[in-house]
Amino acid sequence: MTADARGAGGTGDVIRRIKAGLSAEARAETGAQIRGTVEGILGDIAARGGAAVREHSQRFDRWSPPSFRLSDAEIADCVRIAWPGGAVVVNISSIAARTAMGSNVMYCASKAALDNMTQSLARALAPAVRVVSVSPGLVDTDFVKSLDPGWRDTQAARTALGRLAAPDEVAGAVIAAVRDLTFTTGCVLAVDGGRPLN
């Protein structure tokens, strides 16, 4: 996104058009513009990391004119225009939120708070936005594979399925939450092999 995005044809124009009401054709065009803007920001962050986050944050902080301030209803309208099927927020939690066993107390507490926030946001943002938490157990990443094999095998044996989660299984849960579980919100999806059962 350029510094001129607030001008004619940019984000400011999009927001003014949303506030004024849109025809079906304009809604489709505006939806494409909003998606393009969001995808551009996310792509820039993916490419440049923290530097891009800081630059975009500073730019957003300067967007103070009232034309950029939307009510809750207007924000919901933006979501419906850009994502006709509804937007989805997927938080990555951990079974440490439930078992209270993790690398440290703060980690466990923060994941429990994330699961609680998932429920609170799901209530606050419905029906325009679904919010789901994906809660993995120990995942068999390269880092975990580098740890003591005996400890790793012990952790795998403690799951009901007798193994650790593969990274693709966690990713699959995220995809399912977005694509397939379209009537699911405010819940925690466990990807832990039944670890709390043992």
C-alpha atoms as a PDB file:
ATOM      1  CA  MET A   1       0.000   0.000   0.000  1.00  0.00           C
ATOM      2  CA  THR A   2       1.360   3.435  -0.857  1.00  0.00           C
ATOM      3  CA  ALA A   3       1.198   6.602   1.170  1.00  0.00           C
ATOM      4  CA  ASP A   4      -1.417   7.829  -1.332  1.00  0.00           C
ATOM      5  CA  ALA A   5      -3.846   5.076  -0.371  1.00  0.00           C
ATOM      6  CA  ARG A   6      -5.863   7.583   1.621  1.00  0.00           C
ATOM      7  CA  GLY A   7      -6.537   9.690  -1.439  1.00  0.00           C
ATOM      8  CA  ALA A   8      -8.915   9.335  -4.357  1.00  0.00           C
ATOM      9  CA  GLY A   9      -9.346   5.725  -5.371  1.00  0.00           C
ATOM     10  CA  GLY A  10      -7.566   4.516  -2.249  1.00  0.00           C
ATOM     11  CA  THR A  11      -8.733   3.209   1.095  1.00  0.00           C
ATOM     12  CA  GLY A  12     -10.294   6.542   2.057  1.00  0.00           C
ATOM     13  CA  ASP A  13     -12.459   6.464  -1.066  1.00  0.00           C
ATOM     14  CA  VAL A  14     -13.448   2.871  -0.327  1.00  0.00           C
ATOM     15  CA  ILE A  15     -14.538   3.771   3.189  1.00  0.00           C
ATOM     16  CA  ARG A  16     -16.528   6.807   2.020  1.00  0.00           C
ATOM     17  CA  ARG A  17     -18.305   4.640  -0.541  1.00  0.00           C
ATOM     18  CA  ILE A  18     -19.150   2.048   2.083  1.00  0.00           C
ATOM     19  CA  LYS A  19     -20.612   4.731   4.319  1.00  0.00           C
ATOM     20  CA  ALA A  20     -22.639   6.164   1.437  1.00  0.00           C
ATOM     21  CA  GLY A  21     -24.110   2.797   0.420  1.00  0.00           C
ATOM     22  CA  LEU A  22     -23.159   0.697  -2.593  1.00  0.00           C
ATOM     23  CA  SER A  23     -24.818  -0.810  -5.613  1.00  0.00           C
ATOM     24  CA  ALA A  24     -24.252  -4.502  -6.297  1.00  0.00           C
ATOM     25  CA  GLU A  25     -21.586  -3.681  -8.900  1.00  0.00           C
ATOM     26  CA  ALA A  26     -19.838  -1.234  -6.612  1.00  0.00           C
ATOM     27  CA  ARG A  27     -19.945  -3.727  -3.741  1.00  0.00           C
ATOM     28  CA  ALA A  28     -18.086  -6.266  -5.873  1.00  0.00           C
ATOM     29  CA  GLU A  29     -15.503  -3.689  -6.939  1.00  0.00           C
ATOM     30  CA  THR A  30     -15.073  -2.424  -3.389  1.00  0.00           C
ATOM     31  CA  GLY A  31     -14.711  -5.956  -2.067  1.00  0.00           C
ATOM     32  CA  ALA A  32     -11.884  -6.547  -4.520  1.00  0.00           C
ATOM     33  CA  GLN A  33     -10.210  -3.295  -3.460  1.00  0.00           C
ATOM     34  CA  ILE A  34     -10.442  -4.169   0.224  1.00  0.00           C
ATOM     35  CA  ARG A  35      -9.073  -7.658  -0.371  1.00  0.00           C
ATOM     36  CA  GLY A  36      -6.258  -6.220  -2.481  1.00  0.00           C
ATOM     37  CA  THR A  37      -5.344  -3.726   0.245  1.00  0.00           C
ATOM     38  CA  VAL A  38      -5.336  -6.360   3.010  1.00  0.00           C
ATOM     39  CA  GLU A  39      -3.423  -8.876   0.886  1.00  0.00           C
ATOM     40  CA  GLY A  40      -0.886  -6.204  -0.018  1.00  0.00           C
ATOM     41  CA  ILE A  41      -0.251  -5.379   3.631  1.00  0.00           C
ATOM     42  CA  LEU A  42       0.025  -9.036   4.623  1.00  0.00           C
ATOM     43  CA  GLY A  43       2.334  -9.758   1.696  1.00  0.00           C
ATOM     44  CA  ASP A  44       4.587  -6.854   2.641  1.00  0.00           C
ATOM     45  CA  ILE A  45       4.747  -8.087   6.240  1.00  0.00           C
ATOM     46  CA  ALA A  46       5.529 -11.625   5.081  1.00  0.00           C
ATOM     47  CA  ALA A  47       8.348 -10.310   2.889  1.00  0.00           C
ATOM     48  CA  ARG A  48       9.900  -7.716   5.206  1.00  0.00           C
ATOM     49  CA  GLY A  49       8.853  -8.825   8.675  1.00  0.00           C
ATOM     50  CA  GLY A  50       9.063  -6.450  11.644  1.00  0.00           C
ATOM     51  CA  ALA A  51      10.151  -3.460   9.581  1.00  0.00           C
ATOM     52  CA  ALA A  52       6.931  -3.636   7.570  1.00  0.00           C
ATOM     53  CA  VAL A  53       4.827  -4.037  10.723  1.00  0.00           C
ATOM     54  CA  ARG A  54       6.366  -0.881  12.208  1.00  0.00           C
ATOM     55  CA  GLU A  55       5.903   1.123   9.007  1.00  0.00           C
ATOM     56  CA  HIS A  56       2.265   0.116   8.563  1.00  0.00           C
ATOM     57  CA  SER A  57       1.527   0.731  12.242  1.00  0.00           C
ATOM     58  CA  GLN A  58       2.952   4.245  12.019  1.00  0.00           C
ATOM     59  CA  ARG A  59       0.987   4.898   8.834  1.00  0.00           C
ATOM     60  CA  PHE A  60      -2.262   3.709  10.414  1.00  0.00           C
ATOM     61  CA  ASP A  61      -1.635   5.886  13.484  1.00  0.00           C
ATOM     62  CA  ARG A  62      -1.627   8.939  11.206  1.00  0.00           C
ATOM     63  CA  TRP A  63      -5.022   8.081   9.743  1.00  0.00           C
ATOM     64  CA  SER A  64      -6.923  10.302  12.134  1.00  0.00           C
ATOM     65  CA  PRO A  65      -9.595  12.000   9.970  1.00  0.00           C
ATOM     66  CA  PRO A  66     -13.154  11.039  10.931  1.00  0.00           C
ATOM     67  CA  SER A  67     -13.655   9.472   7.487  1.00  0.00           C
ATOM     68  CA  PHE A  68     -11.433   6.607   8.625  1.00  0.00           C
ATOM     69  CA  ARG A  69     -13.351   5.925  11.832  1.00  0.00           C
ATOM     70  CA  LEU A  70     -15.969   3.221  11.388  1.00  0.00           C
ATOM     71  CA  SER A  71     -18.712   2.156  13.733  1.00  0.00           C
ATOM     72  CA  ASP A  72     -19.110  -1.500  14.688  1.00  0.00           C
ATOM     73  CA  ALA A  73     -21.903  -1.820  12.128  1.00  0.00           C
ATOM     74  CA  GLU A  74     -19.726  -0.303   9.389  1.00  0.00           C
ATOM     75  CA  ILE A  75     -16.864  -2.653  10.229  1.00  0.00           C
ATOM     76  CA  ALA A  76     -19.284  -5.570   9.941  1.00  0.00           C
ATOM     77  CA  ASP A  77     -20.384  -4.206   6.541  1.00  0.00           C
ATOM     78  CA  CYS A  78     -16.749  -4.111   5.397  1.00  0.00           C
ATOM     79  CA  VAL A  79     -16.307  -7.738   6.414  1.00  0.00           C
ATOM     80  CA  ARG A  80     -19.461  -8.812   4.591  1.00  0.00           C
ATOM     81  CA  ILE A  81     -18.389  -6.949   1.444  1.00  0.00           C
ATOM     82  CA  ALA A  82     -14.825  -8.288   1.404  1.00  0.00           C
ATOM     83  CA  TRP A  83     -15.635 -11.819   2.550  1.00  0.00           C
ATOM     84  CA  PRO A  84     -19.219 -12.689   1.592  1.00  0.00           C
ATOM     85  CA  GLY A  85     -18.971 -16.032   3.388  1.00  0.00           C
ATOM     86  CA  GLY A  86     -17.798 -14.331   6.586  1.00  0.00           C
ATOM     87  CA  ALA A  87     -14.319 -13.779   7.967  1.00  0.00           C
ATOM     88  CA  VAL A  88     -12.564 -16.227  10.281  1.00  0.00           C
ATOM     89  CA  VAL A  89      -9.979 -15.668  13.011  1.00  0.00           C
ATOM     90  CA  VAL A  90      -7.982 -18.769  13.971  1.00  0.00           C
ATOM     91  CA  ASN A  91      -5.912 -18.519  17.137  1.00  0.00           C
ATOM     92  CA  ILE A  92      -3.104 -21.026  17.737  1.00  0.00           C
ATOM     93  CA  SER A  93      -3.315 -22.175  21.331  1.00  0.00           C
ATOM     94  CA  SER A  94      -1.942 -25.235  23.145  1.00  0.00           C
ATOM     95  CA  ILE A  95      -3.215 -28.068  25.316  1.00  0.00           C
ATOM     96  CA  ALA A  96      -1.113 -26.378  28.016  1.00  0.00           C
ATOM     97  CA  ALA A  97      -4.156 -24.135  28.472  1.00  0.00           C
ATOM     98  CA  ARG A  98      -6.031 -27.185  29.742  1.00  0.00           C
ATOM     99  CA  THR A  99      -3.330 -29.391  31.256  1.00  0.00           C
ATOM    100  CA  ALA A 100      -1.299 -26.548  32.865  1.00  0.00           C
ATOM    101  CA  MET A 101       1.824 -28.424  31.757  1.00  0.00           C
ATOM    102  CA  GLY A 102       4.171 -26.492  29.503  1.00  0.00           C
ATOM    103  CA  SER A 103       7.517 -24.767  29.318  1.00  0.00           C
ATOM    104  CA  ASN A 104       6.564 -22.327  32.096  1.00  0.00           C
ATOM    105  CA  VAL A 105       3.648 -20.914  34.078  1.00  0.00           C
ATOM    106  CA  MET A 106       3.293 -17.821  31.898  1.00  0.00           C
ATOM    107  CA  TYR A 107       3.023 -19.929  28.753  1.00  0.00           C
ATOM    108  CA  CYS A 108       0.221 -22.034  30.207  1.00  0.00           C
ATOM    109  CA  ALA A 109      -1.615 -18.979  31.533  1.00  0.00           C
ATOM    110  CA  SER A 110      -1.321 -17.062  28.270  1.00  0.00           C
ATOM    111  CA  LYS A 111      -2.734 -19.981  26.265  1.00  0.00           C
ATOM    112  CA  ALA A 112      -5.644 -20.301  28.698  1.00  0.00           C
ATOM    113  CA  ALA A 113      -6.274 -16.579  28.250  1.00  0.00           C
ATOM    114  CA  LEU A 114      -6.181 -17.018  24.477  1.00  0.00           C
ATOM    115  CA  ASP A 115      -8.854 -19.716  24.614  1.00  0.00           C
ATOM    116  CA  ASN A 116     -11.015 -17.473  26.791  1.00  0.00           C
ATOM    117  CA  MET A 117     -10.490 -14.557  24.404  1.00  0.00           C
ATOM    118  CA  THR A 118     -11.506 -16.827  21.523  1.00  0.00           C
ATOM    119  CA  GLN A 119     -14.896 -17.315  23.149  1.00  0.00           C
ATOM    120  CA  SER A 120     -15.295 -13.651  24.040  1.00  0.00           C
ATOM    121  CA  LEU A 121     -14.407 -12.475  20.532  1.00  0.00           C
ATOM    122  CA  ALA A 122     -16.673 -15.088  18.947  1.00  0.00           C
ATOM    123  CA  ARG A 123     -19.584 -13.634  20.912  1.00  0.00           C
ATOM    124  CA  ALA A 124     -18.631 -10.022  20.187  1.00  0.00           C
ATOM    125  CA  LEU A 125     -17.936 -10.408  16.452  1.00  0.00           C
ATOM    126  CA  ALA A 126     -20.758 -12.784  15.474  1.00  0.00           C
ATOM    127  CA  PRO A 127     -22.283 -13.191  12.979  1.00  0.00           C
ATOM    128  CA  ALA A 128     -19.823 -11.360  10.685  1.00  0.00           C
ATOM    129  CA  VAL A 129     -16.682 -13.069  12.002  1.00  0.00           C
ATOM    130  CA  ARG A 130     -16.124 -16.579  13.330  1.00  0.00           C
ATOM    131  CA  VAL A 131     -13.371 -17.097  15.914  1.00  0.00           C
ATOM    132  CA  VAL A 132     -11.834 -20.504  16.583  1.00  0.00           C
ATOM    133  CA  SER A 133      -8.857 -21.706  18.601  1.00  0.00           C
ATOM    134  CA  VAL A 134      -6.686 -24.617  17.400  1.00  0.00           C
ATOM    135  CA  SER A 135      -5.016 -26.321  20.348  1.00  0.00           C
ATOM    136  CA  PRO A 136      -2.126 -28.675  19.489  1.00  0.00           C
ATOM    137  CA  GLY A 137      -0.294 -30.978  21.803  1.00  0.00           C
ATOM    138  CA  LEU A 138       3.415 -31.546  21.348  1.00  0.00           C
ATOM    139  CA  VAL A 139       4.161 -31.238  17.620  1.00  0.00           C
ATOM    140  CA  ASP A 140       6.924 -33.280  15.990  1.00  0.00           C
ATOM    141  CA  THR A 141       8.824 -30.323  14.551  1.00  0.00           C
ATOM    142  CA  ASP A 142      12.520 -30.273  13.691  1.00  0.00           C
ATOM    143  CA  PHE A 143      13.161 -28.677  17.090  1.00  0.00           C
ATOM    144  CA  VAL A 144      11.343 -31.454  18.955  1.00  0.00           C
ATOM    145  CA  LYS A 145      13.162 -34.090  16.906  1.00  0.00           C
ATOM    146  CA  SER A 146      16.460 -32.543  18.040  1.00  0.00           C
ATOM    147  CA  LEU A 147      15.619 -33.112  21.717  1.00  0.00           C
ATOM    148  CA  ASP A 148      16.431 -36.191  23.774  1.00  0.00           C
ATOM    149  CA  PRO A 149      14.890 -39.191  21.954  1.00  0.00           C
ATOM    150  CA  GLY A 150      13.919 -40.876  25.215  1.00  0.00           C
ATOM    151  CA  TRP A 151      11.965 -37.811  26.389  1.00  0.00           C
ATOM    152  CA  ARG A 152      10.293 -37.482  22.999  1.00  0.00           C
ATOM    153  CA  ASP A 153       9.238 -41.149  23.013  1.00  0.00           C
ATOM    154  CA  THR A 154       7.844 -40.757  26.529  1.00  0.00           C
ATOM    155  CA  GLN A 155       5.711 -37.800  25.435  1.00  0.00           C
ATOM    156  CA  ALA A 156       4.430 -39.724  22.419  1.00  0.00           C
ATOM    157  CA  ALA A 157       3.492 -42.693  24.613  1.00  0.00           C
ATOM    158  CA  ARG A 158       1.424 -40.418  26.842  1.00  0.00           C
ATOM    159  CA  THR A 159      -1.028 -39.657  24.048  1.00  0.00           C
ATOM    160  CA  ALA A 160      -3.990 -41.966  23.466  1.00  0.00           C
ATOM    161  CA  LEU A 161      -2.881 -42.380  19.830  1.00  0.00           C
ATOM    162  CA  GLY A 162       0.701 -43.200  20.807  1.00  0.00           C
ATOM    163  CA  ARG A 163       2.472 -40.552  18.743  1.00  0.00           C
ATOM    164  CA  LEU A 164       3.077 -36.818  18.404  1.00  0.00           C
ATOM    165  CA  ALA A 165       1.206 -34.487  16.071  1.00  0.00           C
ATOM    166  CA  ALA A 166       2.682 -33.795  12.641  1.00  0.00           C
ATOM    167  CA  PRO A 167       2.906 -30.110  11.622  1.00  0.00           C
ATOM    168  CA  ASP A 168       0.617 -30.831   8.648  1.00  0.00           C
ATOM    169  CA  GLU A 169      -2.073 -32.072  11.046  1.00  0.00           C
ATOM    170  CA  VAL A 170      -2.091 -28.745  12.864  1.00  0.00           C
ATOM    171  CA  ALA A 171      -2.228 -26.913   9.534  1.00  0.00           C
ATOM    172  CA  GLY A 172      -5.068 -29.217   8.477  1.00  0.00           C
ATOM    173  CA  ALA A 173      -7.065 -28.225  11.545  1.00  0.00           C
ATOM    174  CA  VAL A 174      -6.638 -24.549  10.651  1.00  0.00           C
ATOM    175  CA  ILE A 175      -7.782 -25.202   7.079  1.00  0.00           C
ATOM    176  CA  ALA A 176     -10.759 -27.196   8.307  1.00  0.00           C
ATOM    177  CA  ALA A 177     -11.758 -24.417  10.709  1.00  0.00           C
ATOM    178  CA  VAL A 178     -11.797 -21.912   7.855  1.00  0.00           C
ATOM    179  CA  ARG A 179     -13.070 -23.994   4.941  1.00  0.00           C
ATOM    180  CA  ASP A 180     -15.173 -26.828   6.341  1.00  0.00           C
ATOM    181  CA  LEU A 181     -16.448 -25.985   9.836  1.00  0.00           C
ATOM    182  CA  THR A 182     -18.595 -23.101   8.662  1.00  0.00           C
ATOM    183  CA  PHE A 183     -21.053 -23.398  11.568  1.00  0.00           C
ATOM    184  CA  THR A 184     -18.315 -23.476  14.211  1.00  0.00           C
ATOM    185  CA  THR A 185     -17.296 -20.505  16.338  1.00  0.00           C
ATOM    186  CA  GLY A 186     -16.104 -19.843  19.877  1.00  0.00           C
ATOM    187  CA  CYS A 187     -14.624 -23.308  20.352  1.00  0.00           C
ATOM    188  CA  VAL A 188     -11.243 -24.930  20.928  1.00  0.00           C
ATOM    189  CA  LEU A 189     -10.247 -27.613  18.398  1.00  0.00           C
ATOM    190  CA  ALA A 190      -7.845 -30.068  20.032  1.00  0.00           C
ATOM    191  CA  VAL A 191      -5.061 -31.597  17.922  1.00  0.00           C
ATOM    192  CA  ASP A 192      -3.425 -33.535  20.735  1.00  0.00           C
ATOM    193  CA  GLY A 193      -3.886 -37.253  20.034  1.00  0.00           C
ATOM    194  CA  GLY A 194      -6.017 -37.553  23.155  1.00  0.00           C
ATOM    195  CA  ARG A 195      -3.212 -36.471  25.479  1.00  0.00           C
ATOM    196  CA  PRO A 196      -5.549 -35.283  28.298  1.00  0.00           C
ATOM    197  CA  LEU A 197      -7.183 -38.754  28.360  1.00  0.00           C
ATOM    198  CA  ASN A 198      -4.071 -40.355  29.874  1.00  0.00           C
END
